[in-house]
Amino acid sequence: WFIILFSNVISGNTHLQYLAISTANTSIVSGPTDIATAYTAFPTLSFDAVVVNTTMVIAYNTVSGGQSVKVTTLTAQLNQALPVTFSGYQATIMSLCADTTVSNPAIYVNFYSLNSTTGYTLVVDSLLHTLLAPTLTIASGTLLNLTSSAQNGSCNLFTEVSSTYSYDATVASNYINTLSITQAGSVSGTTIVARGVGLGSKSCIVDGTVYLLAAYSSALQSGYY
């Protein structure tokens, strides 16, 4: 199946849904089907998913039953697991990645809240057992985007930080930061990857090296994609 995840407002409530398109016969389409009937959406995308072997792991923000981040799975047979709830946490930006280099693949759920200006990482396995409870990774700052990649027991986070030039606060000068967190919960310091640019893609790993695209745009040099 080829899965398309999307939010859909139905009778005033935002649902997180999916369409499943058969890769053997694209005329066969299943859905739309609910992942969550009370998904709390933000323009910065407060859900994400990653595929581990034949299972898709999905995390999303919700206020149903109280503010929380929930994590569920969808199998190749389109069977959905009961979500695991991490109460009291909010995600206005979400990034998931999987470490498949370890014996028990670890799924890193990285999320940030613009309201609290803090970010956390939690780790589960493909059966939704908690390997690491939500751990603070971002203590402050206004983030506009977030992506991540994991390997060898560690996850690299890349964040786009909102910034302006000191001489003119109307001119954006965003930059990309990076930090890492291990499966055991050890968080590194934060370093700057590049100034004057934003995140232009998700990150990916090729032959052990993490790659991502950076985007630049200004009144003097617009960005075209």
Protein backbone atom coordinates (compact mmCIF):
# COMPACT_ATOMS: atom_id res chain seq x y z
CA TRP A 1 0.00 0.00 0.00
CA PHE A 2 0.94 3.62 -0.62
CA ILE A 3 -0.35 5.66 2.32
CA ILE A 4 -1.37 9.32 2.20
CA LEU A 5 -1.90 10.98 5.60
CA PHE A 6 -3.89 14.20 5.85
CA SER A 7 -6.10 16.25 8.15
CA ASN A 8 -9.79 16.63 7.30
CA VAL A 9 -12.40 18.84 8.98
CA ILE A 10 -15.67 16.91 9.41
CA SER A 11 -18.64 18.56 11.11
CA GLY A 12 -16.35 21.08 12.77
CA ASN A 13 -13.88 18.46 14.10
CA THR A 14 -10.42 17.90 12.63
CA HIS A 15 -9.74 14.24 11.85
CA LEU A 16 -6.38 12.72 11.01
CA GLN A 17 -7.08 10.31 8.14
CA TYR A 18 -5.35 8.20 5.52
CA LEU A 19 -5.95 6.92 2.02
CA ALA A 20 -4.39 3.58 1.08
CA ILE A 21 -3.60 3.03 -2.60
CA SER A 22 -2.66 -0.45 -3.77
CA THR A 23 0.81 -0.53 -5.32
CA ALA A 24 -0.21 -3.64 -7.29
CA ASN A 25 -3.33 -2.01 -8.75
CA THR A 26 -3.59 1.75 -8.32
CA SER A 27 -7.32 1.68 -9.10
CA ILE A 28 -7.83 0.04 -5.70
CA VAL A 29 -8.15 2.74 -3.02
CA SER A 30 -9.13 2.20 0.60
CA GLY A 31 -10.49 5.07 2.69
CA PRO A 32 -10.45 7.75 3.79
CA THR A 33 -10.05 6.07 7.17
CA ASP A 34 -9.62 7.75 10.56
CA ILE A 35 -6.37 7.54 12.47
CA ALA A 36 -7.80 9.97 15.02
CA THR A 37 -11.18 11.69 15.20
CA ALA A 38 -9.88 14.51 17.39
CA TYR A 39 -6.57 15.60 15.91
CA THR A 40 -5.45 19.11 16.94
CA ALA A 41 -3.93 20.67 13.84
CA PHE A 42 -1.41 23.49 13.50
CA PRO A 43 -0.16 25.14 10.28
CA THR A 44 3.34 23.88 11.11
CA LEU A 45 2.10 20.26 10.86
CA SER A 46 1.55 18.56 14.21
CA PHE A 47 1.74 14.97 12.97
CA ASP A 48 4.36 12.83 11.27
CA ALA A 49 4.99 9.20 10.37
CA VAL A 50 7.82 6.82 9.59
CA VAL A 51 7.85 3.27 8.19
CA VAL A 52 9.78 0.56 10.02
CA ASN A 53 9.89 -2.74 8.12
CA THR A 54 6.19 -3.21 7.23
CA THR A 55 4.74 -1.02 9.98
CA MET A 56 3.99 2.69 9.82
CA VAL A 57 4.41 4.55 13.12
CA ILE A 58 2.28 7.70 13.40
CA ALA A 59 2.43 10.42 16.08
CA TYR A 60 0.06 13.32 16.43
CA ASN A 61 -1.09 16.14 18.71
CA THR A 62 -4.54 16.03 20.34
CA VAL A 63 -6.61 17.59 23.11
CA SER A 64 -9.07 14.67 23.19
CA GLY A 65 -9.04 13.41 26.77
CA GLY A 66 -6.65 16.21 27.68
CA GLN A 67 -3.65 17.74 25.91
CA SER A 68 -1.28 14.99 24.80
CA VAL A 69 0.93 13.51 22.13
CA LYS A 70 -0.26 10.11 20.92
CA VAL A 71 1.60 7.42 18.99
CA THR A 72 -0.03 4.60 17.03
CA THR A 73 0.89 2.10 14.30
CA LEU A 74 -0.63 0.96 11.01
CA THR A 75 0.34 -2.45 9.65
CA ALA A 76 0.66 -3.58 6.06
CA GLN A 77 -2.77 -5.17 6.51
CA LEU A 78 -4.12 -1.70 7.51
CA ASN A 79 -4.67 -2.75 11.12
CA GLN A 80 -4.26 0.12 13.58
CA ALA A 81 -3.00 -0.29 17.13
CA LEU A 82 -4.48 1.46 20.14
CA PRO A 83 -2.49 4.67 20.58
CA VAL A 84 -0.02 5.20 23.41
CA THR A 85 -0.66 8.51 25.17
CA PHE A 86 1.94 10.91 26.55
CA SER A 87 -0.22 13.25 28.62
CA GLY A 88 0.50 16.92 29.16
CA TYR A 89 2.70 17.40 26.09
CA GLN A 90 1.89 19.54 23.08
CA ALA A 91 3.29 19.33 19.56
CA THR A 92 2.93 22.16 17.08
CA ILE A 93 5.80 20.68 15.03
CA MET A 94 6.53 16.95 14.80
CA SER A 95 9.35 14.87 13.31
CA LEU A 96 9.66 11.09 13.42
CA CYS A 97 12.62 8.94 12.42
CA ALA A 98 13.69 5.34 12.99
CA ASP A 99 17.01 3.85 14.01
CA THR A 100 17.11 0.51 12.18
CA THR A 101 20.81 -0.08 12.89
CA VAL A 102 20.02 -1.43 16.37
CA SER A 103 18.64 -4.92 17.06
CA ASN A 104 15.26 -3.59 18.20
CA PRO A 105 14.43 -0.69 15.86
CA ALA A 106 13.89 2.50 17.83
CA ILE A 107 11.44 5.18 16.70
CA TYR A 108 12.30 8.71 17.82
CA VAL A 109 9.32 11.04 18.23
CA ASN A 110 10.65 14.60 18.23
CA PHE A 111 8.23 17.43 18.85
CA TYR A 112 8.17 21.15 19.66
CA SER A 113 5.53 23.47 21.08
CA LEU A 114 5.45 27.08 19.92
CA ASN A 115 3.34 27.94 22.96
CA SER A 116 5.94 26.76 25.48
CA THR A 117 8.94 27.21 23.10
CA THR A 118 10.26 23.86 24.30
CA GLY A 119 10.95 20.58 22.49
CA TYR A 120 11.05 16.95 23.60
CA THR A 121 12.07 13.55 22.30
CA LEU A 122 10.54 10.22 23.23
CA VAL A 123 11.44 6.78 21.91
CA VAL A 124 9.25 3.74 21.29
CA ASP A 125 9.71 0.45 19.49
CA SER A 126 7.47 -0.84 16.70
CA LEU A 127 5.17 -2.44 19.30
CA LEU A 128 4.83 0.96 21.01
CA HIS A 129 6.78 -0.04 24.11
CA THR A 130 8.30 3.11 25.61
CA LEU A 131 12.10 3.00 25.41
CA LEU A 132 12.59 6.60 26.52
CA ALA A 133 10.04 8.87 28.19
CA PRO A 134 9.71 12.44 26.83
CA THR A 135 13.06 14.13 27.42
CA LEU A 136 13.75 17.86 27.06
CA THR A 137 15.93 18.62 24.04
CA ILE A 138 15.04 22.24 23.27
CA ALA A 139 14.81 24.54 26.30
CA SER A 140 13.83 27.76 24.51
CA GLY A 141 13.67 29.55 21.19
CA THR A 142 11.20 30.10 18.36
CA LEU A 143 11.41 27.23 15.87
CA LEU A 144 9.82 27.24 12.42
CA ASN A 145 10.69 23.72 11.33
CA LEU A 146 12.16 20.45 12.57
CA THR A 147 13.60 17.31 11.01
CA SER A 148 15.55 14.33 12.32
CA SER A 149 17.51 11.19 11.42
CA ALA A 150 18.71 8.34 13.64
CA GLN A 151 21.40 5.66 13.53
CA ASN A 152 23.70 3.75 15.88
CA GLY A 153 21.67 4.49 19.00
CA SER A 154 21.48 8.26 18.49
CA CYS A 155 19.16 10.76 16.84
CA ASN A 156 20.27 13.97 15.13
CA LEU A 157 17.76 16.83 15.28
CA PHE A 158 17.90 19.79 12.91
CA THR A 159 15.88 22.89 13.75
CA GLU A 160 15.15 26.08 11.85
CA VAL A 161 15.36 28.97 14.29
CA SER A 162 13.48 32.21 13.65
CA SER A 163 15.83 35.21 13.65
CA THR A 164 16.21 38.69 12.16
CA TYR A 165 19.14 40.98 11.42
CA SER A 166 20.14 43.25 14.29
CA TYR A 167 20.14 46.29 12.03
CA ASP A 168 16.64 45.61 10.62
CA ALA A 169 14.13 43.47 12.50
CA THR A 170 11.92 43.24 9.41
CA VAL A 171 14.53 41.19 7.51
CA ALA A 172 14.63 37.49 8.36
CA SER A 173 17.95 35.81 9.04
CA ASN A 174 16.93 32.32 10.11
CA TYR A 175 19.50 29.64 10.78
CA ILE A 176 19.73 25.86 11.23
CA ASN A 177 20.80 24.31 14.52
CA THR A 178 21.60 20.70 15.29
CA LEU A 179 21.81 18.57 18.41
CA SER A 180 21.67 14.87 19.21
CA ILE A 181 20.00 12.63 21.76
CA THR A 182 20.83 9.00 22.49
CA GLN A 183 18.29 6.26 23.05
CA ALA A 184 19.33 6.36 26.71
CA GLY A 185 18.39 10.07 26.91
CA SER A 186 21.76 11.82 26.81
CA VAL A 187 21.37 15.20 25.07
CA SER A 188 24.29 16.97 23.39
CA GLY A 189 24.92 20.66 23.14
CA THR A 190 23.47 22.67 20.26
CA THR A 191 25.60 23.85 17.35
CA ILE A 192 24.84 26.00 14.31
CA VAL A 193 24.88 24.19 10.95
CA ALA A 194 24.31 27.20 8.69
CA ARG A 195 23.23 30.84 9.02
CA GLY A 196 20.85 32.78 6.78
CA VAL A 197 18.94 29.71 5.59
CA GLY A 198 16.01 27.53 6.62
CA LEU A 199 15.18 23.85 6.33
CA GLY A 200 14.21 22.93 2.78
CA SER A 201 13.56 19.20 3.25
CA LYS A 202 13.50 16.33 5.66
CA SER A 203 16.90 14.92 6.52
CA CYS A 204 17.98 11.48 5.30
CA ILE A 205 20.90 9.11 5.77
CA VAL A 206 23.00 7.80 2.86
CA ASP A 207 25.94 5.51 3.65
CA GLY A 208 26.04 6.74 7.24
CA THR A 209 26.03 10.45 6.37
CA VAL A 210 23.07 12.71 7.15
CA TYR A 211 21.92 15.01 4.34
CA LEU A 212 19.30 17.76 4.15
CA LEU A 213 18.38 20.67 1.90
CA ALA A 214 18.63 24.29 3.03
CA ALA A 215 16.43 27.04 1.60
CA TYR A 216 17.32 30.69 1.06
CA SER A 217 15.05 33.54 0.01
CA SER A 218 15.16 37.33 0.24
CA ALA A 219 13.79 40.40 -1.51
CA LEU A 220 16.98 40.44 -3.58
CA GLN A 221 17.07 36.70 -4.30
CA SER A 222 13.77 34.88 -4.21
CA GLY A 223 13.59 31.13 -3.78
CA TYR A 224 12.00 29.00 -6.53
CA TYR A 225 11.28 25.31 -6.09
